[in-house]
Amino acid sequence: MHAKVGIVDDRWLTVGSANLNAHSLLNDTEMNVVTDDPDLARATRLRLWAEHLEVDSSEIAGAEPHTVVDDRWRPIAFEQLERLRAGAPATHRLLALPGLSRRSRRLLGPLVGLVDDG
């Protein structure tokens, strides 16, 4: 079994096998649990982020999410990407994925609609 977690604004949480797109939610045999319990959503985010950042959750609990992303996630992820590009071994499990060009992004919207809607 594979599972995904989606958390929105520390208020809404979904855990399950469905992708968050029309095809997966409406056409595939998938199952998710969804809740709007803000305490559970926030606690889950903090546990996941602490695990991925390799820190205790108390280190990030008081910070705004955007600050944690900007000050912690991004520096680690981009450092690891540079290490990868230089042929050096990874020192952390976070990794920035190479971005798409603007032209590619403009094409993705219609393509996703075609795939999802047929």
Protein backbone atom coordinates (compact mmCIF):
# COMPACT_ATOMS: atom_id res chain seq x y z
CA MET A 1 0.00 0.00 0.00
CA HIS A 2 1.11 3.53 -0.65
CA ALA A 3 -0.22 6.61 1.07
CA LYS A 4 -0.09 10.36 0.73
CA VAL A 5 -0.68 13.12 3.23
CA GLY A 6 -2.23 16.48 2.41
CA ILE A 7 -2.47 19.29 4.96
CA VAL A 8 -4.03 22.66 4.18
CA ASP A 9 -3.55 25.67 6.47
CA ASP A 10 -3.19 23.42 9.55
CA ARG A 11 -6.98 22.97 9.39
CA TRP A 12 -7.67 20.17 6.89
CA LEU A 13 -5.92 16.82 6.67
CA THR A 14 -6.21 13.89 4.30
CA VAL A 15 -4.30 10.61 4.47
CA GLY A 16 -4.74 7.81 1.97
CA SER A 17 -3.95 6.38 -1.41
CA ALA A 18 -5.85 8.86 -3.61
CA ASN A 19 -4.05 11.60 -5.47
CA LEU A 20 -5.69 14.98 -5.10
CA ASN A 21 -6.96 15.17 -8.65
CA ALA A 22 -10.23 14.41 -10.36
CA HIS A 23 -9.09 11.17 -11.98
CA SER A 24 -7.85 9.58 -8.77
CA LEU A 25 -10.70 10.79 -6.59
CA LEU A 26 -13.52 9.98 -9.03
CA ASN A 27 -12.32 7.15 -11.26
CA ASP A 28 -9.82 4.99 -9.37
CA THR A 29 -10.34 2.61 -6.48
CA GLU A 30 -8.73 4.68 -3.75
CA MET A 31 -9.42 5.39 -0.10
CA ASN A 32 -8.64 8.42 2.06
CA VAL A 33 -9.48 9.59 5.54
CA VAL A 34 -10.25 13.31 5.76
CA THR A 35 -10.66 15.49 8.83
CA ASP A 36 -11.05 19.17 9.57
CA ASP A 37 -9.60 18.86 13.09
CA PRO A 38 -7.06 21.70 13.25
CA ASP A 39 -5.17 20.23 16.22
CA LEU A 40 -4.65 16.93 14.42
CA ALA A 41 -3.70 18.65 11.15
CA ARG A 42 -1.10 20.87 12.84
CA ALA A 43 0.33 18.06 14.98
CA THR A 44 0.68 15.87 11.90
CA ARG A 45 2.44 18.64 9.95
CA LEU A 46 4.85 19.30 12.80
CA ARG A 47 5.72 15.61 13.20
CA LEU A 48 6.30 15.18 9.45
CA TRP A 49 8.32 18.38 9.09
CA ALA A 50 10.43 17.58 12.16
CA GLU A 51 11.16 14.11 10.77
CA HIS A 52 12.12 15.45 7.35
CA LEU A 53 14.22 18.28 8.79
CA GLU A 54 15.82 15.88 11.30
CA VAL A 55 14.98 18.13 14.27
CA ASP A 56 12.77 17.90 17.32
CA SER A 57 9.28 19.23 16.63
CA SER A 58 9.68 21.75 19.48
CA GLU A 59 12.29 23.54 17.32
CA ILE A 60 9.72 24.42 14.66
CA ALA A 61 6.44 24.45 16.62
CA GLY A 62 6.51 28.18 17.36
CA ALA A 63 7.57 29.33 13.90
CA GLU A 64 5.30 30.37 11.06
CA PRO A 65 5.20 27.68 8.35
CA HIS A 66 6.53 30.02 5.65
CA THR A 67 9.50 30.88 7.87
CA VAL A 68 10.32 27.20 8.40
CA VAL A 69 10.18 26.62 4.65
CA ASP A 70 12.30 29.67 3.81
CA ASP A 71 14.82 29.39 6.64
CA ARG A 72 15.16 25.62 7.03
CA TRP A 73 13.74 23.56 4.13
CA ARG A 74 15.01 25.59 1.20
CA PRO A 75 18.65 26.01 2.32
CA ILE A 76 19.02 22.30 3.05
CA ALA A 77 17.22 21.21 -0.12
CA PHE A 78 19.23 23.50 -2.42
CA GLU A 79 22.51 22.59 -0.74
CA GLN A 80 21.74 18.92 -1.39
CA LEU A 81 20.87 19.65 -5.03
CA GLU A 82 24.22 21.40 -5.47
CA ARG A 83 25.99 18.43 -3.87
CA LEU A 84 24.21 16.10 -6.27
CA ARG A 85 25.18 18.24 -9.27
CA ALA A 86 28.79 18.30 -8.06
CA GLY A 87 28.87 14.52 -7.67
CA ALA A 88 29.20 14.70 -3.89
CA PRO A 89 27.25 12.36 -1.61
CA ALA A 90 24.08 13.59 0.04
CA THR A 91 24.29 14.62 3.69
CA HIS A 92 20.55 15.03 4.19
CA ARG A 93 17.43 13.45 2.73
CA LEU A 94 15.83 16.72 1.59
CA LEU A 95 16.51 17.59 -2.04
CA ALA A 96 15.28 20.45 -4.21
CA LEU A 97 13.90 19.13 -7.46
CA PRO A 98 15.05 20.94 -10.58
CA GLY A 99 12.34 23.37 -11.70
CA LEU A 100 10.44 23.43 -14.93
CA SER A 101 10.82 26.20 -17.43
CA ARG A 102 8.04 28.80 -17.68
CA ARG A 103 7.17 27.48 -21.11
CA SER A 104 6.74 23.96 -19.73
CA ARG A 105 4.54 25.24 -16.91
CA ARG A 106 2.22 27.02 -19.37
CA LEU A 107 1.73 23.74 -21.23
CA LEU A 108 1.05 21.69 -18.13
CA GLY A 109 -2.36 23.24 -17.29
CA PRO A 110 -4.10 22.21 -20.52
CA LEU A 111 -2.31 18.87 -20.57
CA VAL A 112 -3.44 17.98 -17.05
CA GLY A 113 -7.01 18.95 -17.98
CA LEU A 114 -6.85 16.69 -21.03
CA VAL A 115 -5.53 13.75 -19.01
CA ASP A 116 -8.00 14.19 -16.11
CA ASP A 117 -11.06 14.98 -18.18
CA GLY A 118 -10.31 12.81 -21.20
